[in-house]
Amino acid sequence: MDSPQQVRNMQTKKKFNSEKWIPYLFTLPSFLIIAAFLFYPIGTVFYYSFQHYDISAPFYNRFAGFENFVTIFTEDKMFLRSLWTSVKWVVSEVGLQLVFGMIFALLLNQTFKLRGLVRALAFIPWAISGVLASVMWSLMYNEHMGVFNDLLMKLGIISEPKAFLAGTTSAFIAVIIAELWRGIPFFAITLLASLQSIPEELYEAADVDGAGKWRQFIAITLPHLKNTIILTTLLRVVWEFNNVDLIFNLTGGGPANSTTTLTMYIVNLAVHGSDFGYGAALTVISFGILFIFAMTYLLITRYQRED
């Protein structure tokens, strides 16, 4: 027979083995919710990318294999055009948002009266929904009652009202400006948080050594902001590449597809054209592009940190 000590050890071991599953049971509901609202939709998109699935013609729906992907790369000229528009959109938005966000973060990091209020107000554009922002900017761009036309005419820059959202070039620039207004606070707030973590002693030592403001920015500020810049830039690239609400409400991808990004093209095909199979195939390609970019970007920045 087992001794009392051995019995107690076995009971303790059984209790430990049963209790170690308790944390997993607590996290199970969260995992099920994530699986239901994230993994299942992703799996559905991949499934329909191999189907001819058009809800307007259900009798013709069937398994398509790689036919949708072959069509995209061999026949769909709009795919490459929308992809190039997405590249221009992402580079312009992320680059300008980073530059202006850095400037605002440096200004908000200074000591001045009502600094807390100004910081709170600076965050408002980021807190506003994309639909509300697009409605507001469409009114400001309006040809007949928009504030921009009124201001430019009073300054004598233009002699008659302009339809900013009607020209191919002006529409793209107008959407860029509207999204800049909404996206700059994201960089400003995140960079401001990192700026406040930099020890003040470093700047005091630089002043003693005779380093100017620009030298301090290059030698102290940027190295301490490097990880934040890497993370925020990656997040914004993914966000802006998938951005659709503001473009959809301001221009709908027009005029003449000048603001039709890849995501906007997918929306037009799937939502307006009801071709969910082809739209799903484009979505899978979009996912692949972002995945390759993210992995490459992280590998490059990792090697730079190791240096």
Protein backbone atom coordinates (compact mmCIF):
# COMPACT_ATOMS: atom_id res chain seq x y z
CA MET A 1 0.00 0.00 0.00
CA ASP A 2 1.03 3.56 -0.60
CA SER A 3 2.18 5.57 2.36
CA PRO A 4 0.11 8.61 3.51
CA GLN A 5 2.79 10.90 2.11
CA GLN A 6 2.61 9.24 -1.31
CA VAL A 7 -1.17 9.51 -1.26
CA ARG A 8 -0.95 13.22 -0.45
CA ASN A 9 1.60 13.72 -3.26
CA MET A 10 -0.66 11.96 -5.75
CA GLN A 11 -3.63 14.08 -4.67
CA THR A 12 -1.58 17.25 -4.97
CA LYS A 13 -0.39 16.23 -8.42
CA LYS A 14 -3.94 15.49 -9.60
CA LYS A 15 -5.12 18.82 -8.23
CA PHE A 16 -2.28 20.62 -10.01
CA ASN A 17 -3.04 18.86 -13.30
CA SER A 18 -6.69 19.83 -13.05
CA GLU A 19 -5.98 23.42 -12.06
CA LYS A 20 -3.50 24.07 -14.88
CA TRP A 21 -6.39 23.95 -17.36
CA ILE A 22 -8.32 26.69 -15.55
CA PRO A 23 -6.53 29.62 -17.35
CA TYR A 24 -7.28 28.01 -20.71
CA LEU A 25 -10.95 27.65 -19.77
CA PHE A 26 -11.10 31.36 -18.91
CA THR A 27 -9.56 32.32 -22.27
CA LEU A 28 -11.74 29.90 -24.25
CA PRO A 29 -14.68 32.33 -24.69
CA SER A 30 -12.36 35.02 -26.05
CA PHE A 31 -10.78 32.54 -28.44
CA LEU A 32 -14.20 31.41 -29.67
CA ILE A 33 -15.26 35.01 -30.27
CA ILE A 34 -12.05 35.71 -32.21
CA ALA A 35 -12.53 32.53 -34.21
CA ALA A 36 -16.12 33.48 -35.02
CA PHE A 37 -15.46 37.09 -36.02
CA LEU A 38 -11.93 36.86 -37.46
CA PHE A 39 -10.82 33.40 -38.56
CA TYR A 40 -14.16 32.34 -40.02
CA PRO A 41 -14.55 35.42 -42.28
CA ILE A 42 -10.93 35.08 -43.42
CA GLY A 43 -11.47 31.42 -44.24
CA THR A 44 -14.68 32.29 -46.09
CA VAL A 45 -12.86 34.84 -48.25
CA PHE A 46 -10.23 32.27 -49.21
CA TYR A 47 -12.98 29.75 -49.99
CA TYR A 48 -14.96 32.09 -52.24
CA SER A 49 -11.80 33.21 -54.05
CA PHE A 50 -11.84 29.80 -55.75
CA GLN A 51 -15.52 30.08 -56.70
CA HIS A 52 -17.62 31.80 -59.30
CA TYR A 53 -19.97 33.41 -56.80
CA ASP A 54 -22.26 36.11 -58.12
CA ILE A 55 -25.40 36.66 -56.06
CA SER A 56 -27.13 38.26 -59.05
CA ALA A 57 -26.72 35.04 -61.08
CA PRO A 58 -26.84 32.16 -58.56
CA PHE A 59 -27.47 29.48 -61.17
CA TYR A 60 -24.02 30.06 -62.67
CA ASN A 61 -22.14 29.76 -59.39
CA ARG A 62 -19.59 26.96 -59.40
CA PHE A 63 -16.08 25.97 -58.41
CA ALA A 64 -13.59 28.00 -60.46
CA GLY A 65 -10.20 26.82 -59.19
CA PHE A 66 -7.52 29.35 -60.06
CA GLU A 67 -9.57 30.92 -62.85
CA ASN A 68 -10.25 34.13 -60.92
CA PHE A 69 -6.54 34.60 -60.20
CA VAL A 70 -5.54 33.89 -63.81
CA THR A 71 -8.05 36.47 -65.02
CA ILE A 72 -6.74 39.06 -62.57
CA PHE A 73 -3.11 38.73 -63.72
CA THR A 74 -3.73 38.25 -67.45
CA GLU A 75 -6.84 40.19 -68.41
CA ASP A 76 -7.77 42.66 -65.67
CA LYS A 77 -6.05 45.94 -66.54
CA MET A 78 -7.94 47.71 -63.78
CA PHE A 79 -6.15 45.56 -61.20
CA LEU A 80 -2.72 47.01 -61.98
CA ARG A 81 -4.12 50.52 -62.30
CA SER A 82 -5.87 50.33 -58.93
CA LEU A 83 -2.78 48.77 -57.35
CA TRP A 84 -0.63 51.65 -58.61
CA THR A 85 -3.19 54.12 -57.24
CA SER A 86 -2.97 52.31 -53.89
CA VAL A 87 0.82 52.64 -53.91
CA LYS A 88 0.61 56.38 -54.59
CA TRP A 89 -2.07 56.75 -51.94
CA VAL A 90 -0.13 54.84 -49.25
CA VAL A 91 3.23 56.50 -49.95
CA SER A 92 1.70 59.98 -49.98
CA GLU A 93 -0.44 59.48 -46.90
CA VAL A 94 2.02 57.64 -44.66
CA GLY A 95 4.97 59.84 -45.63
CA LEU A 96 3.14 63.13 -45.11
CA GLN A 97 1.38 61.94 -41.97
CA LEU A 98 4.72 60.93 -40.47
CA VAL A 99 6.39 64.26 -41.30
CA PHE A 100 3.53 66.47 -40.07
CA GLY A 101 2.85 64.16 -37.14
CA MET A 102 6.48 64.54 -36.07
CA ILE A 103 6.25 68.33 -36.32
CA PHE A 104 3.07 68.47 -34.25
CA ALA A 105 4.49 66.04 -31.70
CA LEU A 106 7.56 68.24 -31.21
CA LEU A 107 5.35 71.32 -30.84
CA LEU A 108 2.99 69.63 -28.38
CA ASN A 109 5.98 68.44 -26.36
CA GLN A 110 6.88 72.04 -25.55
CA THR A 111 5.72 73.79 -22.39
CA PHE A 112 2.98 76.39 -22.95
CA LYS A 113 -0.31 77.48 -21.45
CA LEU A 114 -3.34 75.23 -21.95
CA ARG A 115 -1.07 72.49 -23.27
CA GLY A 116 -3.41 69.76 -22.01
CA LEU A 117 -6.40 71.31 -23.79
CA VAL A 118 -4.49 71.71 -27.04
CA ARG A 119 -3.37 68.07 -26.90
CA ALA A 120 -6.94 66.94 -26.38
CA LEU A 121 -8.19 69.07 -29.28
CA ALA A 122 -5.43 67.73 -31.53
CA PHE A 123 -6.77 64.22 -31.04
CA ILE A 124 -10.32 65.08 -32.22
CA PRO A 125 -9.77 64.38 -35.98
CA TRP A 126 -8.59 60.86 -35.17
CA ALA A 127 -11.63 60.24 -32.94
CA ILE A 128 -14.13 61.27 -35.63
CA SER A 129 -15.55 58.45 -37.74
CA GLY A 130 -14.60 58.20 -41.39
CA VAL A 131 -18.19 58.72 -42.56
CA LEU A 132 -18.59 61.92 -40.52
CA ALA A 133 -15.20 63.20 -41.71
CA SER A 134 -16.08 62.51 -45.36
CA VAL A 135 -19.41 64.34 -45.04
CA MET A 136 -17.69 67.33 -43.46
CA TRP A 137 -14.98 67.49 -46.15
CA SER A 138 -17.45 67.01 -48.99
CA LEU A 139 -19.30 70.10 -47.73
CA MET A 140 -16.05 72.07 -47.54
CA TYR A 141 -15.14 71.00 -51.09
CA ASN A 142 -18.63 71.81 -52.40
CA GLU A 143 -18.54 73.92 -55.56
CA HIS A 144 -21.45 76.17 -54.59
CA MET A 145 -21.27 76.60 -50.81
CA GLY A 146 -17.90 75.16 -49.81
CA VAL A 147 -15.60 77.09 -47.52
CA PHE A 148 -12.54 76.44 -49.70
CA ASN A 149 -14.05 78.07 -52.79
CA ASP A 150 -15.26 81.00 -50.70
CA LEU A 151 -11.85 81.50 -49.10
CA LEU A 152 -9.87 81.17 -52.35
CA MET A 153 -12.15 83.60 -54.15
CA LYS A 154 -11.86 86.18 -51.36
CA LEU A 155 -8.07 85.87 -51.51
CA GLY A 156 -8.18 86.36 -55.28
CA ILE A 157 -6.52 83.02 -56.02
CA ILE A 158 -9.43 81.82 -58.17
CA SER A 159 -12.01 83.86 -60.08
CA GLU A 160 -14.84 81.31 -60.07
CA PRO A 161 -15.80 78.29 -57.98
CA LYS A 162 -13.97 75.03 -58.66
CA ALA A 163 -15.37 71.51 -58.46
CA PHE A 164 -12.44 70.01 -56.53
CA LEU A 165 -13.90 66.49 -56.58
CA ALA A 166 -14.71 66.55 -60.30
CA GLY A 167 -11.18 66.66 -61.76
CA THR A 168 -8.97 63.58 -61.90
CA THR A 169 -5.95 65.29 -60.37
CA SER A 170 -7.77 67.65 -58.01
CA ALA A 171 -9.96 64.83 -56.68
CA PHE A 172 -6.95 62.72 -55.73
CA ILE A 173 -5.27 65.68 -54.02
CA ALA A 174 -8.51 66.59 -52.25
CA VAL A 175 -8.89 63.09 -50.82
CA ILE A 176 -5.23 63.08 -49.79
CA ILE A 177 -5.71 66.33 -47.84
CA ALA A 178 -8.86 65.06 -46.14
CA GLU A 179 -7.19 61.85 -44.99
CA LEU A 180 -4.12 63.78 -43.85
CA TRP A 181 -6.31 65.82 -41.53
CA ARG A 182 -7.67 62.61 -40.03
CA GLY A 183 -4.40 60.64 -39.90
CA ILE A 184 -1.83 63.17 -38.63
CA PRO A 185 -3.09 63.01 -35.00
CA PHE A 186 -2.31 59.28 -34.85
CA PHE A 187 1.38 59.92 -35.48
CA ALA A 188 1.36 63.06 -33.31
CA ILE A 189 -0.05 61.30 -30.25
CA THR A 190 2.10 58.16 -30.51
CA LEU A 191 5.29 60.11 -31.18
CA LEU A 192 4.44 62.53 -28.38
CA ALA A 193 4.19 59.61 -25.94
CA SER A 194 7.65 58.43 -27.00
CA LEU A 195 9.10 61.93 -26.78
CA GLN A 196 8.04 62.18 -23.16
CA SER A 197 9.98 59.01 -22.33
CA ILE A 198 13.32 60.49 -23.46
CA PRO A 199 15.45 61.48 -20.43
CA GLU A 200 15.85 65.25 -20.19
CA GLU A 201 19.43 64.74 -19.00
CA LEU A 202 20.46 63.74 -22.53
CA TYR A 203 19.43 67.13 -23.91
CA GLU A 204 21.10 68.94 -21.02
CA ALA A 205 24.35 67.08 -21.70
CA ALA A 206 24.05 67.91 -25.41
CA ASP A 207 23.60 71.60 -24.55
CA VAL A 208 26.76 71.49 -22.46
CA ASP A 209 28.63 69.91 -25.38
CA GLY A 210 27.42 72.70 -27.66
CA ALA A 211 25.08 70.62 -29.82
CA GLY A 212 22.38 72.61 -31.59
CA LYS A 213 18.69 71.71 -31.82
CA TRP A 214 19.04 69.97 -35.17
CA ARG A 215 22.02 67.93 -33.94
CA GLN A 216 20.07 66.96 -30.82
CA PHE A 217 17.13 65.89 -32.97
CA ILE A 218 19.33 63.67 -35.15
CA ALA A 219 21.50 62.21 -32.38
CA ILE A 220 18.99 61.91 -29.52
CA THR A 221 15.36 62.26 -30.59
CA LEU A 222 15.28 60.12 -33.73
CA PRO A 223 17.16 57.11 -32.24
CA HIS A 224 14.75 57.04 -29.29
CA LEU A 225 11.74 57.33 -31.63
CA LYS A 226 12.98 54.67 -34.05
CA ASN A 227 10.95 51.73 -32.69
CA THR A 228 7.81 53.86 -32.45
CA ILE A 229 8.26 55.11 -36.01
CA ILE A 230 8.74 51.55 -37.28
CA LEU A 231 5.59 50.27 -35.58
CA THR A 232 3.34 53.24 -36.37
CA THR A 233 4.48 53.36 -40.00
CA LEU A 234 3.73 49.67 -40.47
CA LEU A 235 0.29 50.05 -38.89
CA ARG A 236 -0.54 53.08 -41.03
CA VAL A 237 0.60 51.37 -44.25
CA VAL A 238 -1.78 48.49 -43.56
CA TRP A 239 -4.53 50.89 -42.50
CA GLU A 240 -4.22 53.23 -45.48
CA PHE A 241 -3.89 50.37 -47.96
CA ASN A 242 -7.26 49.08 -46.71
CA ASN A 243 -8.80 52.54 -46.34
CA VAL A 244 -12.11 52.77 -48.13
CA ASP A 245 -14.65 54.78 -46.10
CA LEU A 246 -13.38 58.28 -46.88
CA ILE A 247 -12.70 57.57 -50.56
CA PHE A 248 -16.04 55.80 -50.95
CA ASN A 249 -18.01 58.71 -49.50
CA LEU A 250 -16.06 61.53 -51.16
CA THR A 251 -15.53 60.25 -54.70
CA GLY A 252 -16.67 56.63 -54.93
CA GLY A 253 -13.42 55.91 -56.77
CA GLY A 254 -14.00 58.54 -59.46
CA PRO A 255 -13.78 60.57 -61.50
CA ALA A 256 -12.54 58.25 -64.25
CA ASN A 257 -11.21 55.84 -61.58
CA SER A 258 -8.59 58.39 -60.52
CA THR A 259 -9.17 57.58 -56.84
CA THR A 260 -9.94 53.89 -57.26
CA THR A 261 -7.48 52.11 -55.00
CA LEU A 262 -7.30 48.32 -54.94
CA THR A 263 -9.60 48.20 -51.90
CA MET A 264 -12.03 50.59 -53.57
CA TYR A 265 -11.96 48.39 -56.69
CA ILE A 266 -12.83 45.35 -54.56
CA VAL A 267 -15.74 47.19 -52.97
CA ASN A 268 -17.08 48.27 -56.36
CA LEU A 269 -16.90 44.72 -57.69
CA ALA A 270 -18.28 42.91 -54.67
CA VAL A 271 -20.82 45.39 -53.28
CA HIS A 272 -21.95 47.15 -56.44
CA GLY A 273 -21.26 44.40 -58.96
CA SER A 274 -22.29 41.48 -56.70
CA ASP A 275 -19.29 39.44 -57.94
CA PHE A 276 -18.12 38.19 -54.58
CA GLY A 277 -15.97 35.39 -56.01
CA TYR A 278 -13.79 37.72 -58.07
CA GLY A 279 -13.77 40.27 -55.27
CA ALA A 280 -12.63 37.58 -52.82
CA ALA A 281 -9.76 36.64 -55.16
CA LEU A 282 -8.66 40.27 -55.28
CA THR A 283 -8.88 40.40 -51.49
CA VAL A 284 -6.61 37.35 -51.17
CA ILE A 285 -4.06 39.02 -53.46
CA SER A 286 -4.33 42.21 -51.38
CA PHE A 287 -3.71 40.15 -48.24
CA GLY A 288 -0.66 38.56 -49.86
CA ILE A 289 0.77 41.94 -50.85
CA LEU A 290 0.39 43.30 -47.32
CA PHE A 291 1.79 40.12 -45.77
CA ILE A 292 4.90 40.16 -47.95
CA PHE A 293 5.41 43.87 -47.30
CA ALA A 294 5.00 43.47 -43.53
CA MET A 295 7.43 40.54 -43.32
CA THR A 296 10.02 42.31 -45.50
CA TYR A 297 9.63 45.54 -43.56
CA LEU A 298 10.05 43.80 -40.20
CA LEU A 299 13.08 41.85 -41.41
CA ILE A 300 14.79 44.99 -42.69
CA THR A 301 14.11 46.95 -39.50
CA ARG A 302 15.23 43.98 -37.36
CA TYR A 303 18.57 43.86 -39.14
CA GLN A 304 18.98 47.60 -38.64
CA ARG A 305 18.36 47.23 -34.91
CA GLU A 306 20.92 44.43 -34.72
CA ASP A 307 23.51 46.66 -36.37
